[in-house]
């Protein structure tokens, strides 16, 4: 992945806000966090 500068990150964030709206973004990140947590839990279980 290429190095992203501040301008590129701001443009991406603006596009995400325009696409999903302000209310959907916290719900999206909450779901993403829960998915990551579940993935880590499942990967620990398979290591045993």
PDB file of N, CA and C in Angstrom:
ATOM      1  N   UNK A   1       0.851  -1.177   0.000  1.00  0.00           N
ATOM      2  CA  UNK A   1       0.000   0.000   0.000  1.00  0.00           C
ATOM      3  C   UNK A   1       0.895   1.238   0.000  1.00  0.00           C
ATOM      4  N   UNK A   2       0.516   2.193  -0.768  1.00  0.00           N
ATOM      5  CA  UNK A   2       1.318   3.409  -0.886  1.00  0.00           C
ATOM      6  C   UNK A   2       1.196   4.252   0.381  1.00  0.00           C
ATOM      7  N   UNK A   3       2.191   5.063   0.609  1.00  0.00           N
ATOM      8  CA  UNK A   3       2.129   5.973   1.752  1.00  0.00           C
ATOM      9  C   UNK A   3       1.084   7.045   1.478  1.00  0.00           C
ATOM     10  N   UNK A   4       0.177   7.202   2.418  1.00  0.00           N
ATOM     11  CA  UNK A   4      -0.877   8.198   2.268  1.00  0.00           C
ATOM     12  C   UNK A   4      -0.513   9.448   3.051  1.00  0.00           C
ATOM     13  N   UNK A   5      -0.654  10.577   2.405  1.00  0.00           N
ATOM     14  CA  UNK A   5      -0.411  11.841   3.077  1.00  0.00           C
ATOM     15  C   UNK A   5      -1.684  12.343   3.726  1.00  0.00           C
ATOM     16  N   UNK A   6      -1.567  13.460   4.392  1.00  0.00           N
ATOM     17  CA  UNK A   6      -2.716  14.044   5.086  1.00  0.00           C
ATOM     18  C   UNK A   6      -3.832  14.413   4.118  1.00  0.00           C
ATOM     19  N   UNK A   7      -3.483  14.935   2.977  1.00  0.00           N
ATOM     20  CA  UNK A   7      -4.490  15.340   1.995  1.00  0.00           C
ATOM     21  C   UNK A   7      -5.291  14.136   1.505  1.00  0.00           C
ATOM     22  N   UNK A   8      -4.609  13.049   1.205  1.00  0.00           N
ATOM     23  CA  UNK A   8      -5.299  11.861   0.725  1.00  0.00           C
ATOM     24  C   UNK A   8      -6.224  11.286   1.791  1.00  0.00           C
ATOM     25  N   UNK A   9      -5.766  11.273   3.022  1.00  0.00           N
ATOM     26  CA  UNK A   9      -6.595  10.758   4.117  1.00  0.00           C
ATOM     27  C   UNK A   9      -7.836  11.623   4.306  1.00  0.00           C
ATOM     28  N   UNK A  10      -7.680  12.934   4.217  1.00  0.00           N
ATOM     29  CA  UNK A  10      -8.828  13.836   4.358  1.00  0.00           C
ATOM     30  C   UNK A  10      -9.827  13.639   3.221  1.00  0.00           C
ATOM     31  N   UNK A  11      -9.342  13.450   2.013  1.00  0.00           N
ATOM     32  CA  UNK A  11     -10.240  13.231   0.877  1.00  0.00           C
ATOM     33  C   UNK A  11     -11.001  11.927   1.051  1.00  0.00           C
ATOM     34  N   UNK A  12     -10.317  10.872   1.470  1.00  0.00           N
ATOM     35  CA  UNK A  12     -10.975   9.583   1.703  1.00  0.00           C
ATOM     36  C   UNK A  12     -12.018   9.708   2.806  1.00  0.00           C
ATOM     37  N   UNK A  13     -11.683  10.401   3.892  1.00  0.00           N
ATOM     38  CA  UNK A  13     -12.627  10.588   4.995  1.00  0.00           C
ATOM     39  C   UNK A  13     -13.852  11.373   4.538  1.00  0.00           C
ATOM     40  N   UNK A  14     -13.649  12.398   3.725  1.00  0.00           N
ATOM     41  CA  UNK A  14     -14.766  13.195   3.211  1.00  0.00           C
ATOM     42  C   UNK A  14     -15.677  12.345   2.336  1.00  0.00           C
ATOM     43  N   UNK A  15     -15.094  11.518   1.497  1.00  0.00           N
ATOM     44  CA  UNK A  15     -15.899  10.640   0.635  1.00  0.00           C
ATOM     45  C   UNK A  15     -16.702   9.654   1.471  1.00  0.00           C
ATOM     46  N   UNK A  16     -16.083   9.098   2.504  1.00  0.00           N
ATOM     47  CA  UNK A  16     -16.797   8.156   3.377  1.00  0.00           C
ATOM     48  C   UNK A  16     -17.955   8.845   4.080  1.00  0.00           C
ATOM     49  N   UNK A  17     -17.725  10.060   4.562  1.00  0.00           N
ATOM     50  CA  UNK A  17     -18.798  10.806   5.241  1.00  0.00           C
ATOM     51  C   UNK A  17     -19.934  11.097   4.279  1.00  0.00           C
ATOM     52  N   UNK A  18     -19.602  11.464   3.057  1.00  0.00           N
ATOM     53  CA  UNK A  18     -20.649  11.750   2.075  1.00  0.00           C
ATOM     54  C   UNK A  18     -21.431  10.499   1.689  1.00  0.00           C
ATOM     55  N   UNK A  19     -20.747   9.369   1.600  1.00  0.00           N
ATOM     56  CA  UNK A  19     -21.425   8.138   1.205  1.00  0.00           C
ATOM     57  C   UNK A  19     -22.298   7.561   2.315  1.00  0.00           C
ATOM     58  N   UNK A  20     -21.787   7.538   3.517  1.00  0.00           N
ATOM     59  CA  UNK A  20     -22.491   6.859   4.602  1.00  0.00           C
ATOM     60  C   UNK A  20     -23.258   7.784   5.520  1.00  0.00           C
ATOM     61  N   UNK A  21     -22.937   9.040   5.554  1.00  0.00           N
ATOM     62  CA  UNK A  21     -23.604   9.960   6.462  1.00  0.00           C
ATOM     63  C   UNK A  21     -23.001   9.887   7.850  1.00  0.00           C
ATOM     64  N   UNK A  22     -23.240  10.904   8.629  1.00  0.00           N
ATOM     65  CA  UNK A  22     -22.644  11.004   9.953  1.00  0.00           C
ATOM     66  C   UNK A  22     -23.120   9.952  10.936  1.00  0.00           C
ATOM     67  N   UNK A  23     -24.357   9.505  10.793  1.00  0.00           N
ATOM     68  CA  UNK A  23     -24.904   8.562  11.761  1.00  0.00           C
ATOM     69  C   UNK A  23     -24.406   7.136  11.541  1.00  0.00           C
ATOM     70  N   UNK A  24     -24.186   6.769  10.314  1.00  0.00           N
ATOM     71  CA  UNK A  24     -23.804   5.389   9.999  1.00  0.00           C
ATOM     72  C   UNK A  24     -22.344   5.088  10.330  1.00  0.00           C
ATOM     73  N   UNK A  25     -21.492   6.086  10.362  1.00  0.00           N
ATOM     74  CA  UNK A  25     -20.064   5.848  10.572  1.00  0.00           C
ATOM     75  C   UNK A  25     -19.777   5.226  11.941  1.00  0.00           C
ATOM     76  N   UNK A  26     -20.315   5.740  13.057  1.00  0.00           N
ATOM     77  CA  UNK A  26     -20.056   5.073  14.345  1.00  0.00           C
ATOM     78  C   UNK A  26     -20.568   3.631  14.378  1.00  0.00           C
ATOM     79  N   UNK A  27     -21.707   3.392  13.748  1.00  0.00           N
ATOM     80  CA  UNK A  27     -22.230   2.028  13.692  1.00  0.00           C
ATOM     81  C   UNK A  27     -21.296   1.126  12.895  1.00  0.00           C
ATOM     82  N   UNK A  28     -20.734   1.657  11.805  1.00  0.00           N
ATOM     83  CA  UNK A  28     -19.801   0.897  10.975  1.00  0.00           C
ATOM     84  C   UNK A  28     -18.556   0.525  11.758  1.00  0.00           C
ATOM     85  N   UNK A  29     -17.982   1.497  12.481  1.00  0.00           N
ATOM     86  CA  UNK A  29     -16.761   1.217  13.228  1.00  0.00           C
ATOM     87  C   UNK A  29     -17.025   0.302  14.423  1.00  0.00           C
ATOM     88  N   UNK A  30     -18.210   0.387  15.004  1.00  0.00           N
ATOM     89  CA  UNK A  30     -18.566  -0.530  16.086  1.00  0.00           C
ATOM     90  C   UNK A  30     -18.625  -1.957  15.564  1.00  0.00           C
ATOM     91  N   UNK A  31     -19.260  -2.139  14.415  1.00  0.00           N
ATOM     92  CA  UNK A  31     -19.329  -3.462  13.803  1.00  0.00           C
ATOM     93  C   UNK A  31     -17.956  -3.967  13.393  1.00  0.00           C
ATOM     94  N   UNK A  32     -17.124  -3.067  12.897  1.00  0.00           N
ATOM     95  CA  UNK A  32     -15.769  -3.443  12.511  1.00  0.00           C
ATOM     96  C   UNK A  32     -14.959  -3.888  13.725  1.00  0.00           C
ATOM     97  N   UNK A  33     -15.096  -3.168  14.829  1.00  0.00           N
ATOM     98  CA  UNK A  33     -14.395  -3.530  16.059  1.00  0.00           C
ATOM     99  C   UNK A  33     -14.840  -4.882  16.594  1.00  0.00           C
ATOM    100  N   UNK A  34     -16.141  -5.126  16.547  1.00  0.00           N
ATOM    101  CA  UNK A  34     -16.655  -6.422  17.001  1.00  0.00           C
ATOM    102  C   UNK A  34     -16.169  -7.546  16.099  1.00  0.00           C
ATOM    103  N   UNK A  35     -16.083  -7.280  14.807  1.00  0.00           N
ATOM    104  CA  UNK A  35     -15.586  -8.295  13.876  1.00  0.00           C
ATOM    105  C   UNK A  35     -14.131  -8.626  14.155  1.00  0.00           C
ATOM    106  N   UNK A  36     -13.320  -7.612  14.402  1.00  0.00           N
ATOM    107  CA  UNK A  36     -11.907  -7.830  14.699  1.00  0.00           C
ATOM    108  C   UNK A  36     -11.758  -8.622  15.997  1.00  0.00           C
ATOM    109  N   UNK A  37     -12.563  -8.262  16.999  1.00  0.00           N
ATOM    110  CA  UNK A  37     -12.518  -8.967  18.281  1.00  0.00           C
ATOM    111  C   UNK A  37     -12.892 -10.441  18.103  1.00  0.00           C
ATOM    112  N   UNK A  38     -13.926 -10.703  17.318  1.00  0.00           N
ATOM    113  CA  UNK A  38     -14.355 -12.073  17.064  1.00  0.00           C
ATOM    114  C   UNK A  38     -13.287 -12.844  16.293  1.00  0.00           C
ATOM    115  N   UNK A  39     -12.643 -12.194  15.330  1.00  0.00           N
ATOM    116  CA  UNK A  39     -11.579 -12.835  14.557  1.00  0.00           C
ATOM    117  C   UNK A  39     -10.405 -13.210  15.452  1.00  0.00           C
ATOM    118  N   UNK A  40     -10.009 -12.304  16.355  1.00  0.00           N
ATOM    119  CA  UNK A  40      -8.903 -12.599  17.269  1.00  0.00           C
ATOM    120  C   UNK A  40      -9.265 -13.760  18.192  1.00  0.00           C
ATOM    121  N   UNK A  41     -10.509 -13.781  18.667  1.00  0.00           N
ATOM    122  CA  UNK A  41     -10.967 -14.860  19.542  1.00  0.00           C
ATOM    123  C   UNK A  41     -10.934 -16.191  18.800  1.00  0.00           C
ATOM    124  N   UNK A  42     -11.380 -16.203  17.557  1.00  0.00           N
ATOM    125  CA  UNK A  42     -11.386 -17.437  16.783  1.00  0.00           C
ATOM    126  C   UNK A  42      -9.969 -17.889  16.464  1.00  0.00           C
ATOM    127  N   UNK A  43      -9.076 -16.947  16.202  1.00  0.00           N
ATOM    128  CA  UNK A  43      -7.696 -17.354  15.897  1.00  0.00           C
ATOM    129  C   UNK A  43      -6.992 -17.885  17.145  1.00  0.00           C
ATOM    130  N   UNK A  44      -7.345 -17.398  18.333  1.00  0.00           N
ATOM    131  CA  UNK A  44      -6.782 -17.950  19.565  1.00  0.00           C
ATOM    132  C   UNK A  44      -7.280 -19.370  19.780  1.00  0.00           C
ATOM    133  N   UNK A  45      -8.564 -19.606  19.499  1.00  0.00           N
ATOM    134  CA  UNK A  45      -9.142 -20.937  19.687  1.00  0.00           C
ATOM    135  C   UNK A  45      -8.492 -21.972  18.791  1.00  0.00           C
ATOM    136  N   UNK A  46      -8.127 -21.590  17.580  1.00  0.00           N
ATOM    137  CA  UNK A  46      -7.522 -22.549  16.663  1.00  0.00           C
ATOM    138  C   UNK A  46      -6.073 -22.840  17.026  1.00  0.00           C
ATOM    139  N   UNK A  47      -5.429 -21.949  17.768  1.00  0.00           N
ATOM    140  CA  UNK A  47      -4.045 -22.171  18.178  1.00  0.00           C
ATOM    141  C   UNK A  47      -3.934 -23.245  19.250  1.00  0.00           C
ATOM    142  N   UNK A  48      -4.970 -23.449  20.018  1.00  0.00           N
ATOM    143  CA  UNK A  48      -4.924 -24.413  21.125  1.00  0.00           C
ATOM    144  C   UNK A  48      -4.990 -25.837  20.664  1.00  0.00           C
TER     145      UNK A  48
END
